[in-house]
Amino acid sequence: MAEPTAAEIVEDVPHPVDTDYEIGQNNITPLGLDIHNPVFLISGLSVVAFVLVTLMFKENAAEFFGWLRNTLTSKFDWFFLLAGNVFVLFCIALMITPLGKIRLGGDDATPDYGYMGWFAMLFAAGMGIGLMFFGVSEPMSHFASSMGGTTVEGAARTDWAPLGAAAGDIVAARDLGMAATIFHWALHPWAIYAVVALSLAFFTYNRGLPLTLRSAFYPILGERVWGWPGHIIDIMAVFATLFGLATSLGFGTEQALAGFNYLFGWSTGDGAKVLLIAIITGLALVSVLRGLDGGVKVLSEINIGLAALLLLFIIAVGPTATIFETIIYGGAAYVKEIIPLSMPFGREDTNFSQGWTAFYWAWWISWSPFVGMFIARVSRGRTIREFIFCVIVIPTVVSILWMGAFGGTAISQVIADASAPVKDAALELKLFEMLKPLPLASITSFIGIILVLVFFVTSSDSGSLVIDTITAGGKTDAPAAQRVFWCTFEGIVAATLLLVGGNQALDALQAMAVSTGFPFAIILLVMCVSLLIGLMQSLREGKS
């Protein structure tokens, strides 16, 4: 089914907002483009300036952004954790109250995509590369720190274990490590995505407003949303999306090159990084030109199939009994410990809550404009209850299965052999070291590389689609050349920083992505209020 154009979306809206604003009315059309003024110009020039300054003063930039990241996650950890809890409770409340019966697009709307295509695009956009990169390394890290127990210097703990650790207890440390890992990849991050996606989908498909971040604040800002308050919201969304994507591309590049070096002995130097990013960007451009249905949707379905096969293979040929035990007991530990892990105040495990959880929540929030808008693009026709269940609960179950299989296998290898290669391998190599003792290691490792690369392509393509929509004033049918521009620019940003700045530049970029999470957390909390006002008004009027 073809994706609806902006004009078709407005035409099909059941109860549009009474506003004189028309989608794209502030756009300008230089060189045949169709861009929003001033969002496109300010976003593009600011990002270029950021890259140039970072490259010119990379050491100072790395030091500054490192300081900024640590300051935000240590001084405002309570705020990030509290905001994350609000998003989860808000989504659950919407799902179980009468508001959940409202359908995105009106009572007669039907889904644009079937469940398989929809789920595939959700995962490809939301966490594809992250699950591949951290699926082995994070469970192992929390397991090791939990086994090590707590250490105290002065009045503060210096260890990185979650909660009270589990010193010397292998089973308890494994379960606690899995609970901590699942906590970072399950309900909370997907609730963050759901808030943004649901807000955008409702105000676009049910109220006829542009598919852009500012529209979600119409109940609060009114017509002012089309002025500078809205410009600022959209510009911040572009920054968060671009920086988050470039960082993700960095992770993907490192892991893919490590895999190629592991299998074929290929170089992992700067030239190889630039070449790989150029190739992936080229593939993403092909996907861009094929459109949402022919590009992202097809690639996402291919990847979800490969990921499912790899997951089933590991469960079948790995320590099957241990994997199921890890999944069951790790999932149960997550349910048991979710409240202590979510507690914003009075934490003794400050390294874990600040260095891990606050960092993750800021990271997910910085990604929320990108993932949320993309989910909104493909979710018309779902009821709010169905939407929240599918966007939050199902990914949580999949995360438990994925982390239990990949992390559980790696942990079992370390338990069986304290000197197992996976234990001390670099982060980008842990997946391949975990696969090495299993049958068909070369084939599964190659499949792992393909998964990373295709997730790489879908992230770049869908991210370009989202940024283009924002900088085109909410138009979903803007000229393809604009999406090509953003796709190319994402690759150039990532390649330049990896080539000239190395790991320091990547660290600075990660810190910048996290720093966008702080103001966006405030924006998302206000967005919840705005969405609630809009939904309650819709319910009172008997509209959906």
Protein backbone atom coordinates (compact mmCIF):
# COMPACT_ATOMS: atom_id res chain seq x y z
CA MET A 1 0.00 0.00 0.00
CA ALA A 2 1.40 3.39 -0.98
CA GLU A 3 2.21 5.91 1.73
CA PRO A 4 -0.34 8.76 1.88
CA THR A 5 0.77 12.21 0.76
CA ALA A 6 0.39 15.31 2.91
CA ALA A 7 -2.63 16.38 0.86
CA GLU A 8 -4.32 13.00 1.27
CA ILE A 9 -3.69 13.04 5.03
CA VAL A 10 -5.38 16.43 5.42
CA GLU A 11 -8.26 15.38 3.18
CA ASP A 12 -8.89 12.24 5.25
CA VAL A 13 -8.74 13.96 8.66
CA PRO A 14 -12.05 13.41 10.51
CA HIS A 15 -12.02 16.59 12.63
CA PRO A 16 -9.32 19.09 11.63
CA VAL A 17 -8.17 21.88 13.92
CA ASP A 18 -9.71 25.24 13.12
CA THR A 19 -6.58 27.04 11.94
CA ASP A 20 -5.70 29.15 8.94
CA TYR A 21 -2.29 27.50 8.71
CA GLU A 22 -1.69 25.30 5.68
CA ILE A 23 1.02 22.66 5.51
CA GLY A 24 4.09 24.14 3.85
CA GLN A 25 2.79 27.72 3.71
CA ASN A 26 6.10 29.13 4.99
CA ASN A 27 8.17 27.02 2.61
CA ILE A 28 10.50 28.43 0.00
CA THR A 29 11.41 26.71 -3.28
CA PRO A 30 15.00 27.49 -4.29
CA LEU A 31 16.43 25.26 -7.02
CA GLY A 32 13.22 23.25 -7.17
CA LEU A 33 13.35 22.28 -3.49
CA ASP A 34 10.50 22.70 -0.99
CA ILE A 35 12.01 23.67 2.37
CA HIS A 36 10.69 25.35 5.49
CA ASN A 37 12.03 28.79 6.23
CA PRO A 38 13.77 29.23 8.69
CA VAL A 39 13.94 25.65 10.09
CA PHE A 40 15.92 24.18 7.18
CA LEU A 41 18.42 27.04 6.93
CA ILE A 42 19.11 27.36 10.65
CA SER A 43 19.35 23.58 11.15
CA GLY A 44 21.67 23.03 8.20
CA LEU A 45 23.98 25.96 8.94
CA SER A 46 24.14 25.18 12.68
CA VAL A 47 25.07 21.55 12.10
CA VAL A 48 27.75 22.55 9.59
CA ALA A 49 29.14 25.08 12.08
CA PHE A 50 29.13 22.45 14.85
CA VAL A 51 31.07 20.00 12.69
CA LEU A 52 33.63 22.62 11.62
CA VAL A 53 34.22 23.86 15.16
CA THR A 54 34.52 20.30 16.47
CA LEU A 55 37.07 19.43 13.79
CA MET A 56 39.05 22.62 14.32
CA PHE A 57 39.14 22.31 18.11
CA LYS A 58 38.54 18.59 18.53
CA GLU A 59 40.45 18.17 21.79
CA ASN A 60 38.73 21.12 23.46
CA ALA A 61 35.38 20.02 22.04
CA ALA A 62 35.81 16.47 23.32
CA GLU A 63 36.76 17.76 26.75
CA PHE A 64 33.82 20.18 26.86
CA PHE A 65 31.21 17.70 25.70
CA GLY A 66 32.59 15.02 27.97
CA TRP A 67 32.19 17.44 30.86
CA LEU A 68 28.70 18.36 29.68
CA ARG A 69 27.59 14.74 29.44
CA ASN A 70 28.93 13.85 32.89
CA THR A 71 27.40 16.96 34.42
CA LEU A 72 23.96 16.29 32.98
CA THR A 73 23.87 12.62 33.92
CA SER A 74 25.28 13.15 37.42
CA LYS A 75 23.48 16.35 38.45
CA PHE A 76 20.16 15.59 36.78
CA ASP A 77 20.01 11.80 37.03
CA TRP A 78 16.93 12.10 39.26
CA PHE A 79 15.20 14.18 36.58
CA PHE A 80 15.90 11.69 33.78
CA LEU A 81 14.75 8.73 35.88
CA LEU A 82 11.64 10.55 37.08
CA ALA A 83 10.74 11.61 33.54
CA GLY A 84 11.19 8.04 32.29
CA ASN A 85 8.74 6.80 34.93
CA VAL A 86 6.21 9.46 33.96
CA PHE A 87 6.30 8.36 30.33
CA VAL A 88 5.68 4.71 31.23
CA LEU A 89 2.80 5.50 33.59
CA PHE A 90 1.31 7.93 31.09
CA CYS A 91 1.30 5.31 28.32
CA ILE A 92 -0.21 2.65 30.59
CA ALA A 93 -2.93 5.09 31.67
CA LEU A 94 -3.83 5.85 28.05
CA MET A 95 -3.98 2.16 27.22
CA ILE A 96 -6.35 1.15 30.06
CA THR A 97 -8.66 4.19 30.05
CA PRO A 98 -11.44 5.00 27.55
CA LEU A 99 -8.93 7.18 25.70
CA GLY A 100 -7.44 3.96 24.36
CA LYS A 101 -10.37 3.39 22.00
CA ILE A 102 -9.57 6.47 19.90
CA ARG A 103 -8.35 5.44 16.46
CA LEU A 104 -5.52 7.26 14.72
CA GLY A 105 -7.09 8.69 11.59
CA GLY A 106 -10.70 8.36 12.69
CA ASP A 107 -13.19 5.53 13.17
CA ASP A 108 -13.07 4.50 9.52
CA ALA A 109 -9.28 4.55 9.16
CA THR A 110 -7.53 1.30 8.26
CA PRO A 111 -3.84 0.50 8.84
CA ASP A 112 -1.49 1.43 6.01
CA TYR A 113 0.74 -1.57 6.82
CA GLY A 114 0.24 -5.13 8.05
CA TYR A 115 1.61 -6.24 11.39
CA MET A 116 4.77 -7.85 10.01
CA GLY A 117 5.82 -4.81 7.97
CA TRP A 118 4.86 -2.49 10.83
CA PHE A 119 6.81 -4.41 13.48
CA ALA A 120 9.82 -4.72 11.18
CA MET A 121 9.99 -0.96 10.65
CA LEU A 122 9.53 -0.29 14.39
CA PHE A 123 12.57 -2.39 15.28
CA ALA A 124 14.69 -1.22 12.36
CA ALA A 125 14.17 2.40 13.31
CA GLY A 126 14.11 1.98 17.09
CA MET A 127 16.95 -0.23 18.24
CA GLY A 128 18.42 -2.27 15.42
CA ILE A 129 22.12 -1.42 15.66
CA GLY A 130 21.91 -1.03 19.44
CA LEU A 131 20.66 -4.58 19.99
CA MET A 132 23.47 -5.93 17.82
CA PHE A 133 26.15 -3.84 19.56
CA PHE A 134 25.02 -4.17 23.18
CA GLY A 135 23.19 -7.54 23.08
CA VAL A 136 26.29 -9.34 24.33
CA SER A 137 28.37 -6.62 25.96
CA GLU A 138 25.84 -5.07 28.33
CA PRO A 139 24.59 -8.26 30.05
CA MET A 140 28.21 -9.31 30.54
CA SER A 141 29.12 -5.93 32.02
CA HIS A 142 26.30 -5.96 34.57
CA PHE A 143 26.94 -9.61 35.39
CA ALA A 144 30.63 -8.92 36.07
CA SER A 145 29.97 -5.84 38.21
CA SER A 146 27.26 -7.67 40.17
CA MET A 147 29.60 -10.61 40.81
CA GLY A 148 32.26 -8.20 42.01
CA GLY A 149 30.03 -6.84 44.76
CA THR A 150 30.08 -3.36 46.22
CA THR A 151 33.09 -1.23 47.10
CA VAL A 152 32.98 1.91 49.19
CA GLU A 153 35.49 4.74 49.49
CA GLY A 154 34.61 7.39 52.01
CA ALA A 155 30.83 7.58 52.06
CA ALA A 156 30.21 6.68 48.40
CA ARG A 157 30.15 3.48 46.40
CA THR A 158 32.76 3.23 43.68
CA ASP A 159 31.57 0.04 41.98
CA TRP A 160 29.32 -0.08 38.90
CA ALA A 161 26.98 -2.82 40.08
CA PRO A 162 23.21 -2.27 39.88
CA LEU A 163 21.31 -1.98 43.18
CA GLY A 164 23.01 -4.00 45.94
CA ALA A 165 25.02 -6.29 43.61
CA ALA A 166 25.26 -10.07 44.18
CA ALA A 167 28.83 -10.68 45.29
CA GLY A 168 30.04 -14.18 44.49
CA ASP A 169 26.58 -15.54 43.65
CA ILE A 170 26.68 -16.60 39.99
CA VAL A 171 22.95 -17.18 39.53
CA ALA A 172 21.87 -14.03 41.38
CA ALA A 173 24.48 -11.94 39.52
CA ARG A 174 23.28 -13.30 36.18
CA ASP A 175 19.64 -12.55 36.99
CA LEU A 176 20.42 -9.08 38.30
CA GLY A 177 22.62 -8.36 35.29
CA MET A 178 19.83 -9.42 32.95
CA ALA A 179 17.25 -7.36 34.88
CA ALA A 180 19.44 -4.27 34.59
CA THR A 181 19.99 -4.86 30.86
CA ILE A 182 16.33 -5.46 30.08
CA PHE A 183 15.45 -2.37 32.12
CA HIS A 184 17.46 -0.25 29.69
CA TRP A 185 15.88 -1.77 26.56
CA ALA A 186 12.26 -2.49 27.43
CA LEU A 187 9.31 -0.48 28.77
CA HIS A 188 11.00 2.84 29.49
CA PRO A 189 12.74 3.56 26.16
CA TRP A 190 9.77 2.38 24.13
CA ALA A 191 7.42 4.50 26.25
CA ILE A 192 9.58 7.51 25.37
CA TYR A 193 9.22 6.67 21.68
CA ALA A 194 5.49 6.01 22.08
CA VAL A 195 4.78 9.43 23.61
CA VAL A 196 6.31 11.23 20.64
CA ALA A 197 4.87 8.88 18.02
CA LEU A 198 1.36 8.95 19.46
CA SER A 199 1.36 12.75 19.81
CA LEU A 200 2.47 13.27 16.22
CA ALA A 201 0.10 10.65 14.83
CA PHE A 202 -2.93 11.99 16.71
CA PHE A 203 -2.45 15.65 15.84
CA THR A 204 -1.64 14.79 12.21
CA TYR A 205 -4.16 12.08 11.39
CA ASN A 206 -6.98 13.23 13.69
CA ARG A 207 -6.50 17.00 13.67
CA GLY A 208 -4.96 17.72 10.26
CA LEU A 209 -1.79 19.41 11.54
CA PRO A 210 1.62 19.00 9.86
CA LEU A 211 3.62 15.89 10.72
CA THR A 212 6.23 17.80 12.68
CA LEU A 213 7.11 18.17 16.35
CA ARG A 214 5.54 21.59 16.83
CA SER A 215 2.07 20.27 16.00
CA ALA A 216 1.97 18.29 19.24
CA PHE A 217 1.93 21.56 21.21
CA TYR A 218 -1.04 23.18 19.48
CA PRO A 219 -3.44 22.73 22.47
CA ILE A 220 -1.00 24.72 24.63
CA LEU A 221 0.58 27.23 22.22
CA GLY A 222 -2.32 27.68 19.80
CA GLU A 223 -1.45 29.67 16.67
CA ARG A 224 1.89 30.64 18.22
CA VAL A 225 3.06 27.14 17.35
CA TRP A 226 3.57 28.33 13.75
CA GLY A 227 5.98 31.06 14.92
CA TRP A 228 9.32 31.01 16.69
CA PRO A 229 8.28 28.72 19.57
CA GLY A 230 7.49 26.08 16.94
CA HIS A 231 10.63 26.86 14.93
CA ILE A 232 12.79 26.24 18.01
CA ILE A 233 11.07 22.92 18.77
CA ASP A 234 11.59 21.66 15.22
CA ILE A 235 15.20 22.87 15.02
CA MET A 236 16.02 21.06 18.27
CA ALA A 237 14.40 17.94 16.83
CA VAL A 238 16.70 18.13 13.80
CA PHE A 239 19.78 18.48 16.01
CA ALA A 240 18.80 15.53 18.17
CA THR A 241 18.04 13.34 15.17
CA LEU A 242 21.19 14.14 13.23
CA PHE A 243 23.56 13.77 16.20
CA GLY A 244 21.86 10.59 17.35
CA LEU A 245 22.06 9.09 13.87
CA ALA A 246 25.70 10.00 13.34
CA THR A 247 26.60 8.37 16.66
CA SER A 248 24.66 5.25 15.73
CA LEU A 249 26.46 5.14 12.40
CA GLY A 250 29.71 5.31 14.33
CA PHE A 251 28.74 2.28 16.44
CA GLY A 252 27.66 0.39 13.33
CA THR A 253 30.85 1.22 11.46
CA GLU A 254 33.06 0.08 14.32
CA GLN A 255 31.22 -3.23 14.74
CA ALA A 256 30.95 -4.02 11.02
CA LEU A 257 34.64 -3.30 10.43
CA ALA A 258 35.59 -5.35 13.48
CA GLY A 259 33.55 -8.21 12.03
CA PHE A 260 35.18 -7.95 8.60
CA ASN A 261 38.60 -7.85 10.24
CA TYR A 262 37.69 -10.85 12.40
CA LEU A 263 36.52 -12.91 9.41
CA PHE A 264 38.68 -11.69 6.54
CA GLY A 265 41.50 -9.68 8.08
CA TRP A 266 40.33 -6.46 6.46
CA SER A 267 41.69 -3.13 7.66
CA THR A 268 39.94 -1.19 10.41
CA GLY A 269 41.81 2.07 9.78
CA ASP A 270 40.40 5.47 8.94
CA GLY A 271 40.34 4.80 5.21
CA ALA A 272 38.27 1.66 5.74
CA LYS A 273 35.84 3.55 7.97
CA VAL A 274 35.30 6.26 5.35
CA LEU A 275 34.93 3.69 2.56
CA LEU A 276 32.38 1.67 4.52
CA ILE A 277 30.34 4.75 5.40
CA ALA A 278 30.43 5.84 1.75
CA ILE A 279 29.17 2.43 0.60
CA ILE A 280 26.42 2.33 3.22
CA THR A 281 25.39 5.90 2.45
CA GLY A 282 25.19 4.95 -1.22
CA LEU A 283 22.92 2.00 -0.39
CA ALA A 284 20.82 4.27 1.81
CA LEU A 285 20.46 6.70 -1.10
CA VAL A 286 19.11 3.87 -3.27
CA SER A 287 16.64 3.05 -0.51
CA VAL A 288 15.70 6.74 -0.25
CA LEU A 289 14.94 6.95 -3.95
CA ARG A 290 12.82 3.80 -3.80
CA GLY A 291 10.57 5.42 -1.20
CA LEU A 292 9.20 4.19 2.12
CA ASP A 293 7.41 1.12 0.76
CA GLY A 294 10.13 0.04 -1.65
CA GLY A 295 13.06 1.04 0.57
CA VAL A 296 12.79 1.04 4.36
CA LYS A 297 9.87 -1.41 4.48
CA VAL A 298 11.56 -4.03 2.28
CA LEU A 299 14.93 -3.75 4.02
CA SER A 300 13.29 -3.82 7.46
CA GLU A 301 11.40 -7.01 6.65
CA ILE A 302 14.61 -8.63 5.36
CA ASN A 303 16.46 -7.67 8.50
CA ILE A 304 13.75 -8.77 10.91
CA GLY A 305 13.76 -12.15 9.16
CA LEU A 306 17.56 -12.48 9.43
CA ALA A 307 17.50 -11.35 13.08
CA ALA A 308 14.80 -13.91 13.91
CA LEU A 309 16.80 -16.68 12.21
CA LEU A 310 19.97 -15.72 14.10
CA LEU A 311 18.07 -15.61 17.39
CA LEU A 312 16.48 -19.02 16.79
CA PHE A 313 19.83 -20.46 15.70
CA ILE A 314 21.56 -19.35 18.90
CA ILE A 315 18.74 -20.74 21.01
CA ALA A 316 18.86 -24.05 19.11
CA VAL A 317 22.63 -24.70 18.98
CA GLY A 318 23.74 -22.74 22.04
CA PRO A 319 23.21 -23.70 25.67
CA THR A 320 19.47 -24.00 25.10
CA ALA A 321 18.47 -24.90 28.65
CA THR A 322 20.63 -22.10 30.07
CA ILE A 323 19.21 -19.62 27.55
CA PHE A 324 15.62 -20.40 28.52
CA GLU A 325 16.58 -20.26 32.18
CA THR A 326 18.20 -16.87 31.61
CA ILE A 327 15.16 -15.60 29.70
CA ILE A 328 12.68 -16.77 32.33
CA TYR A 329 14.60 -15.82 35.45
CA GLY A 330 16.05 -12.68 33.90
CA GLY A 331 12.55 -11.56 32.84
CA ALA A 332 11.21 -12.36 36.31
CA ALA A 333 14.07 -10.42 37.91
CA TYR A 334 13.23 -7.45 35.66
CA VAL A 335 9.62 -7.49 36.86
CA LYS A 336 10.79 -7.83 40.47
CA GLU A 337 13.44 -5.11 40.31
CA ILE A 338 11.81 -2.60 37.97
CA ILE A 339 10.67 -0.34 40.82
CA PRO A 340 14.06 -0.25 42.63
CA LEU A 341 15.83 0.23 39.28
CA SER A 342 13.42 3.08 38.43
CA MET A 343 13.81 4.89 41.76
CA PRO A 344 15.00 8.47 41.12
CA PHE A 345 16.03 9.28 44.70
CA GLY A 346 18.09 7.77 47.49
CA ARG A 347 20.21 5.56 45.24
CA GLU A 348 23.48 4.16 46.53
CA ASP A 349 24.43 2.63 43.16
CA THR A 350 25.19 6.07 41.74
CA ASN A 351 27.68 4.87 39.11
CA PHE A 352 25.04 2.58 37.67
CA SER A 353 22.09 4.96 37.93
CA GLN A 354 24.06 7.92 36.57
CA GLY A 355 26.57 6.30 34.23
CA TRP A 356 24.14 3.77 32.78
CA THR A 357 20.47 4.61 33.36
CA ALA A 358 20.55 8.41 33.21
CA PHE A 359 22.82 8.17 30.16
CA TYR A 360 20.45 5.74 28.45
CA TRP A 361 17.33 7.78 29.23
CA ALA A 362 18.95 10.93 27.86
CA TRP A 363 20.05 8.92 24.83
CA TRP A 364 16.58 7.51 24.15
CA ILE A 365 15.02 10.94 24.60
CA SER A 366 17.47 12.45 22.12
CA TRP A 367 16.45 9.75 19.64
CA SER A 368 12.72 10.20 20.28
CA PRO A 369 12.05 12.85 17.57
CA PHE A 370 13.56 10.55 14.95
CA VAL A 371 12.03 7.24 16.06
CA GLY A 372 8.75 8.79 17.21
CA MET A 373 8.12 10.58 13.95
CA PHE A 374 9.01 7.52 11.92
CA ILE A 375 6.64 5.34 13.97
CA ALA A 376 3.93 7.95 13.49
CA ARG A 377 4.50 7.84 9.72
CA VAL A 378 3.64 4.14 9.60
CA SER A 379 0.95 3.85 12.31
CA ARG A 380 -2.22 5.39 10.91
CA GLY A 381 -5.30 3.24 11.41
CA ARG A 382 -4.33 1.79 14.83
CA THR A 383 -6.32 2.44 17.99
CA ILE A 384 -4.37 4.06 20.82
CA ARG A 385 -4.73 0.88 22.89
CA GLU A 386 -3.42 -1.28 20.06
CA PHE A 387 -0.68 1.23 19.28
CA ILE A 388 0.68 1.40 22.84
CA PHE A 389 0.50 -2.35 23.37
CA CYS A 390 2.36 -3.08 20.14
CA VAL A 391 4.91 -0.28 20.54
CA ILE A 392 5.71 -0.95 24.22
CA VAL A 393 4.77 -4.46 25.33
CA ILE A 394 5.83 -6.47 22.27
CA PRO A 395 9.30 -4.84 22.02
CA THR A 396 9.76 -5.52 25.74
CA VAL A 397 9.11 -9.23 25.18
CA VAL A 398 11.46 -9.29 22.20
CA SER A 399 14.17 -7.48 24.20
CA ILE A 400 13.91 -10.11 26.95
CA LEU A 401 14.27 -12.90 24.39
CA TRP A 402 17.14 -11.21 22.55
CA MET A 403 19.17 -10.26 25.62
CA GLY A 404 18.49 -13.61 27.24
CA ALA A 405 19.75 -15.51 24.19
CA PHE A 406 22.77 -13.38 23.31
CA GLY A 407 23.74 -12.25 26.80
CA GLY A 408 22.87 -15.57 28.40
CA THR A 409 25.06 -17.48 25.93
CA ALA A 410 28.03 -15.18 26.55
CA ILE A 411 27.62 -15.32 30.33
CA SER A 412 27.43 -19.12 30.24
CA GLN A 413 30.71 -19.19 28.29
CA VAL A 414 32.42 -17.07 30.94
CA ILE A 415 30.96 -19.16 33.77
CA ALA A 416 32.28 -22.33 32.10
CA ASP A 417 35.69 -20.80 31.36
CA ALA A 418 36.89 -17.71 33.21
CA SER A 419 39.40 -17.06 30.41
CA ALA A 420 36.84 -17.28 27.58
CA PRO A 421 37.79 -14.83 24.78
CA VAL A 422 34.40 -13.11 24.93
CA LYS A 423 35.16 -11.89 28.45
CA ASP A 424 37.93 -9.44 27.56
CA ALA A 425 37.13 -8.77 23.90
CA ALA A 426 36.55 -5.20 22.73
CA LEU A 427 32.91 -4.12 22.75
CA GLU A 428 32.59 -4.27 18.97
CA LEU A 429 34.05 -7.82 18.94
CA LYS A 430 32.04 -9.43 21.75
CA LEU A 431 29.25 -10.58 19.44
CA PHE A 432 31.70 -12.40 17.16
CA GLU A 433 33.64 -13.94 20.06
CA MET A 434 30.35 -15.22 21.50
CA LEU A 435 29.46 -16.83 18.16
CA LYS A 436 32.93 -18.38 17.64
CA PRO A 437 32.46 -21.52 19.83
CA LEU A 438 29.06 -22.24 18.22
CA PRO A 439 28.57 -24.23 14.99
CA LEU A 440 28.78 -22.37 11.66
CA ALA A 441 30.51 -19.46 13.37
CA SER A 442 31.78 -17.92 10.15
CA ILE A 443 28.31 -17.96 8.59
CA THR A 444 26.54 -16.57 11.67
CA SER A 445 29.22 -13.91 12.12
CA PHE A 446 28.74 -12.86 8.50
CA ILE A 447 24.97 -12.73 9.06
CA GLY A 448 25.65 -10.55 12.09
CA ILE A 449 27.65 -8.15 9.92
CA ILE A 450 24.86 -8.07 7.33
CA LEU A 451 22.35 -7.29 10.06
CA VAL A 452 24.47 -4.38 11.30
CA LEU A 453 24.88 -3.04 7.75
CA VAL A 454 21.19 -3.27 6.85
CA PHE A 455 20.18 -1.71 10.16
CA PHE A 456 22.74 0.95 9.25
CA VAL A 457 20.99 1.57 5.92
CA THR A 458 17.45 1.62 7.34
CA SER A 459 18.49 3.99 10.14
CA SER A 460 20.09 6.38 7.67
CA ASP A 461 17.15 6.20 5.27
CA SER A 462 14.40 6.56 7.87
CA GLY A 463 16.35 9.26 9.67
CA SER A 464 16.69 11.21 6.43
CA LEU A 465 12.96 10.83 5.88
CA VAL A 466 12.22 12.24 9.33
CA ILE A 467 14.62 15.19 9.10
CA ASP A 468 13.30 16.00 5.64
CA THR A 469 9.72 16.00 6.93
CA ILE A 470 10.64 18.39 9.75
CA THR A 471 12.63 20.75 7.54
CA ALA A 472 9.91 20.67 4.86
CA GLY A 473 7.33 22.07 7.26
CA GLY A 474 5.57 18.74 7.79
CA LYS A 475 5.30 17.76 4.14
CA THR A 476 5.62 14.02 3.56
CA ASP A 477 5.80 14.37 -0.22
CA ALA A 478 8.67 16.86 -0.58
CA PRO A 479 11.16 16.40 -3.45
CA ALA A 480 13.39 13.34 -3.08
CA ALA A 481 16.47 15.54 -3.54
CA GLN A 482 15.98 16.92 -0.02
CA ARG A 483 16.06 13.47 1.55
CA VAL A 484 19.11 12.69 -0.56
CA PHE A 485 20.76 15.82 0.85
CA TRP A 486 20.16 14.81 4.47
CA CYS A 487 21.15 11.19 3.86
CA THR A 488 24.41 12.30 2.24
CA PHE A 489 25.05 14.85 4.96
CA GLU A 490 24.61 12.25 7.71
CA GLY A 491 27.27 10.09 6.07
CA ILE A 492 29.63 13.04 5.61
CA VAL A 493 29.26 14.06 9.26
CA ALA A 494 29.95 10.56 10.54
CA ALA A 495 32.85 9.96 8.14
CA THR A 496 34.50 13.31 8.84
CA LEU A 497 34.36 12.89 12.59
CA LEU A 498 35.69 9.33 12.46
CA LEU A 499 38.46 10.27 10.02
CA VAL A 500 39.73 13.46 11.63
CA GLY A 501 38.63 13.18 15.24
CA GLY A 502 38.84 9.46 15.87
CA ASN A 503 37.34 8.21 19.10
CA GLN A 504 37.51 11.63 20.74
CA ALA A 505 35.24 13.14 18.12
CA LEU A 506 32.85 10.21 18.42
CA ASP A 507 32.79 10.66 22.19
CA ALA A 508 32.05 14.36 21.73
CA LEU A 509 29.23 13.53 19.34
CA GLN A 510 27.76 11.02 21.79
CA ALA A 511 27.89 13.65 24.49
CA MET A 512 26.16 16.14 22.19
CA ALA A 513 23.43 13.61 21.47
CA VAL A 514 22.93 13.05 25.19
CA SER A 515 22.93 16.77 25.92
CA THR A 516 19.98 17.22 23.57
CA GLY A 517 18.11 14.76 25.77
CA PHE A 518 17.91 17.20 28.69
CA PRO A 519 15.88 19.96 27.01
CA PHE A 520 13.90 17.32 25.13
CA ALA A 521 12.91 15.63 28.37
CA ILE A 522 11.22 18.88 29.36
CA ILE A 523 9.62 19.15 25.92
CA LEU A 524 8.29 15.59 26.15
CA LEU A 525 6.77 16.17 29.59
CA VAL A 526 4.91 19.19 28.22
CA MET A 527 3.97 17.09 25.18
CA CYS A 528 2.24 14.59 27.49
CA VAL A 529 0.08 17.37 28.89
CA SER A 530 -0.73 18.67 25.42
CA LEU A 531 -1.63 15.21 24.13
CA LEU A 532 -3.87 14.56 27.13
CA ILE A 533 -5.73 17.82 26.51
CA GLY A 534 -6.24 16.90 22.86
CA LEU A 535 -7.40 13.35 23.59
CA MET A 536 -9.81 14.38 26.33
CA GLN A 537 -11.30 17.02 24.08
CA SER A 538 -11.71 14.39 21.39
CA LEU A 539 -13.41 12.00 23.81
CA ARG A 540 -15.76 14.67 25.19
CA GLU A 541 -16.87 15.61 21.73
CA GLY A 542 -17.35 11.99 20.77
CA LYS A 543 -14.70 12.31 18.09
CA SER A 544 -11.94 9.94 17.18
